[in-house]
């Protein structure tokens, strides 16, 4: 079973059943990978067509086979269950990246809309146990310039992952 990190790019949802009688629902997503849980921001007033465009990072360990997404409607005093989706991870472990893809949202075995999610898996390097490895500092070099971080040296290619798939719809 692979080990490493899983980046989840939560894009949007469409066709969700609006749980609010008055006004539009305020959906958010609870993502679960084994025992790890992360929550998106609340898409206030976005109803059945919310957009989040948020990134989340999970540690992948033994037994991680699927990512569970639970869509909730944030209401004062109560939270309504909108639906859920389960994303098998075998393909992203094999391919490395799955561009934003729509997955069925279900509640009580009935279709309740779609949620769009992109995935990137970065395998743990053999022998990488949190120690050792090449380290970088931002202290000035002999000529007075700063060596900067990896992100600065590689032209920021590691930044902006939030928008990695922004052109895909």
Protein backbone atom coordinates (compact mmCIF):
# COMPACT_ATOMS: atom_id res chain seq x y z
CA UNK A 1 0.00 0.00 0.00
CA UNK A 2 1.43 3.40 -0.93
CA UNK A 3 2.49 5.99 1.59
CA UNK A 4 2.87 9.70 1.00
CA UNK A 5 0.64 12.75 0.72
CA UNK A 6 -2.66 13.31 -1.03
CA UNK A 7 -3.58 16.79 -2.19
CA UNK A 8 -7.31 17.26 -2.64
CA UNK A 9 -8.50 20.16 -4.79
CA UNK A 10 -12.16 20.70 -3.90
CA UNK A 11 -13.58 22.57 -6.88
CA UNK A 12 -17.38 22.76 -6.83
CA UNK A 13 -20.67 20.90 -6.83
CA UNK A 14 -23.76 21.09 -8.99
CA UNK A 15 -27.29 19.80 -8.98
CA UNK A 16 -27.38 19.39 -5.20
CA UNK A 17 -30.75 19.19 -3.54
CA UNK A 18 -31.30 22.49 -1.74
CA UNK A 19 -32.07 21.65 1.88
CA UNK A 20 -33.39 25.11 2.79
CA UNK A 21 -37.05 26.01 2.40
CA UNK A 22 -36.37 29.76 2.52
CA UNK A 23 -33.29 31.15 0.80
CA UNK A 24 -30.33 29.16 -0.44
CA UNK A 25 -28.41 26.56 1.52
CA UNK A 26 -24.87 27.15 2.76
CA UNK A 27 -22.97 23.96 1.85
CA UNK A 28 -19.62 22.77 3.13
CA UNK A 29 -17.72 19.49 2.79
CA UNK A 30 -16.23 17.21 5.43
CA UNK A 31 -13.43 15.13 3.87
CA UNK A 32 -12.29 11.95 5.59
CA UNK A 33 -9.27 9.76 4.82
CA UNK A 34 -9.15 6.95 7.36
CA UNK A 35 -8.92 8.82 10.71
CA UNK A 36 -8.04 12.25 9.26
CA UNK A 37 -10.85 14.74 8.79
CA UNK A 38 -10.81 18.19 7.22
CA UNK A 39 -13.60 20.67 6.60
CA UNK A 40 -14.01 23.14 3.73
CA UNK A 41 -15.20 26.67 4.15
CA UNK A 42 -18.95 27.30 4.03
CA UNK A 43 -20.15 28.41 0.59
CA UNK A 44 -22.60 30.93 2.05
CA UNK A 45 -25.74 31.41 0.03
CA UNK A 46 -24.45 29.42 -2.95
CA UNK A 47 -27.26 26.87 -2.77
CA UNK A 48 -27.15 23.85 -5.08
CA UNK A 49 -24.20 25.15 -7.18
CA UNK A 50 -21.40 25.92 -4.66
CA UNK A 51 -17.80 26.66 -5.60
CA UNK A 52 -14.98 26.25 -3.09
CA UNK A 53 -11.70 26.09 -5.07
CA UNK A 54 -9.79 25.00 -1.97
CA UNK A 55 -6.84 22.67 -1.41
CA UNK A 56 -6.40 20.17 1.40
CA UNK A 57 -3.48 17.89 2.26
CA UNK A 58 -3.77 14.43 3.80
CA UNK A 59 -1.11 11.96 4.91
CA UNK A 60 -1.55 8.62 3.18
CA UNK A 61 -0.72 5.57 5.27
CA UNK A 62 -1.46 1.87 5.33
CA UNK A 63 -5.08 1.05 4.56
CA UNK A 64 -6.05 4.33 2.83
CA UNK A 65 -8.28 3.15 0.01
CA UNK A 66 -10.90 5.88 -0.43
CA UNK A 67 -11.61 9.50 0.29
CA UNK A 68 -15.06 10.16 1.73
CA UNK A 69 -16.79 13.48 1.08
CA UNK A 70 -19.81 14.41 3.15
CA UNK A 71 -21.72 17.50 2.04
CA UNK A 72 -23.55 19.39 4.76
CA UNK A 73 -25.77 22.49 4.85
CA UNK A 74 -24.74 24.92 7.55
CA UNK A 75 -27.77 26.26 9.40
CA UNK A 76 -28.04 28.13 12.68
CA UNK A 77 -28.79 25.53 15.33
CA UNK A 78 -28.58 22.49 13.04
CA UNK A 79 -26.67 20.95 10.19
CA UNK A 80 -28.49 19.16 7.36
CA UNK A 81 -26.96 16.19 5.55
CA UNK A 82 -27.05 16.89 1.78
CA UNK A 83 -25.28 13.77 0.50
CA UNK A 84 -21.94 12.01 0.19
CA UNK A 85 -19.44 10.73 -2.35
CA UNK A 86 -16.70 8.13 -2.03
CA UNK A 87 -13.63 8.39 -4.24
CA UNK A 88 -11.50 5.26 -4.67
CA UNK A 89 -7.80 6.16 -4.51
CA UNK A 90 -6.27 3.29 -6.49
CA UNK A 91 -6.20 5.34 -9.73
CA UNK A 92 -4.45 8.36 -8.19
CA UNK A 93 -1.90 6.08 -6.51
CA UNK A 94 -1.15 4.61 -9.95
CA UNK A 95 -1.36 7.80 -12.08
CA UNK A 96 -0.12 10.42 -9.62
CA UNK A 97 -2.69 13.02 -10.68
CA UNK A 98 -6.39 12.89 -11.45
CA UNK A 99 -7.63 16.19 -12.91
CA UNK A 100 -10.89 17.62 -11.54
CA UNK A 101 -13.50 14.95 -12.06
CA UNK A 102 -17.19 14.87 -11.16
CA UNK A 103 -18.31 12.22 -8.68
CA UNK A 104 -21.90 11.30 -7.86
CA UNK A 105 -23.35 12.59 -4.62
CA UNK A 106 -25.85 10.18 -3.07
CA UNK A 107 -28.20 10.13 -0.09
CA UNK A 108 -30.24 7.04 0.78
CA UNK A 109 -28.86 5.38 -2.40
CA UNK A 110 -30.39 8.12 -4.56
CA UNK A 111 -28.49 10.50 -6.87
CA UNK A 112 -28.38 13.99 -5.32
CA UNK A 113 -25.96 15.86 -7.63
CA UNK A 114 -22.23 15.92 -8.41
CA UNK A 115 -19.08 17.13 -6.72
CA UNK A 116 -15.92 18.01 -8.66
CA UNK A 117 -12.57 17.12 -7.11
CA UNK A 118 -8.97 16.93 -8.37
CA UNK A 119 -6.38 14.68 -6.71
CA UNK A 120 -2.58 14.57 -6.62
CA UNK A 121 -0.62 11.83 -4.86
CA UNK A 122 3.03 12.34 -3.92
CA UNK A 123 4.64 9.08 -2.79
CA UNK A 124 6.90 9.04 0.23
CA UNK A 125 10.53 8.75 -0.80
CA UNK A 126 12.17 5.52 0.29
CA UNK A 127 14.14 6.12 3.44
CA UNK A 128 12.31 9.43 4.04
CA UNK A 129 11.42 9.26 7.70
CA UNK A 130 11.25 12.96 8.44
CA UNK A 131 14.96 13.38 9.09
CA UNK A 132 18.03 13.82 6.96
CA UNK A 133 17.83 14.90 3.39
CA UNK A 134 19.02 18.12 1.87
CA UNK A 135 18.12 21.22 3.80
CA UNK A 136 17.92 24.77 2.58
CA UNK A 137 18.21 28.00 4.47
CA UNK A 138 17.35 31.54 3.58
CA UNK A 139 20.49 33.04 5.05
CA UNK A 140 22.53 35.24 2.69
CA UNK A 141 25.11 33.63 0.42
CA UNK A 142 28.69 34.89 0.39
CA UNK A 143 27.81 37.49 -2.25
CA UNK A 144 25.09 38.91 0.02
CA UNK A 145 22.14 37.57 -1.94
CA UNK A 146 19.70 35.26 -0.27
CA UNK A 147 19.54 31.66 -1.43
CA UNK A 148 15.81 31.69 -0.55
CA UNK A 149 13.55 28.73 -0.23
CA UNK A 150 12.91 25.93 -2.68
CA UNK A 151 9.77 27.77 -3.81
CA UNK A 152 11.72 30.92 -4.60
CA UNK A 153 14.48 29.06 -6.44
CA UNK A 154 12.14 27.07 -8.64
CA UNK A 155 10.26 30.17 -9.75
CA UNK A 156 7.23 29.52 -7.57
CA UNK A 157 6.21 26.33 -9.35
CA UNK A 158 5.31 24.83 -5.98
CA UNK A 159 3.04 27.73 -5.18
CA UNK A 160 -0.35 28.20 -6.71
CA UNK A 161 -1.47 24.61 -6.46
CA UNK A 162 -4.81 26.03 -5.51
CA UNK A 163 -5.24 27.11 -9.12
CA UNK A 164 -3.48 24.15 -10.73
CA UNK A 165 -6.67 22.98 -12.41
CA UNK A 166 -8.43 26.35 -12.57
CA UNK A 167 -8.63 26.28 -16.38
CA UNK A 168 -10.39 22.89 -16.33
CA UNK A 169 -14.16 22.92 -16.11
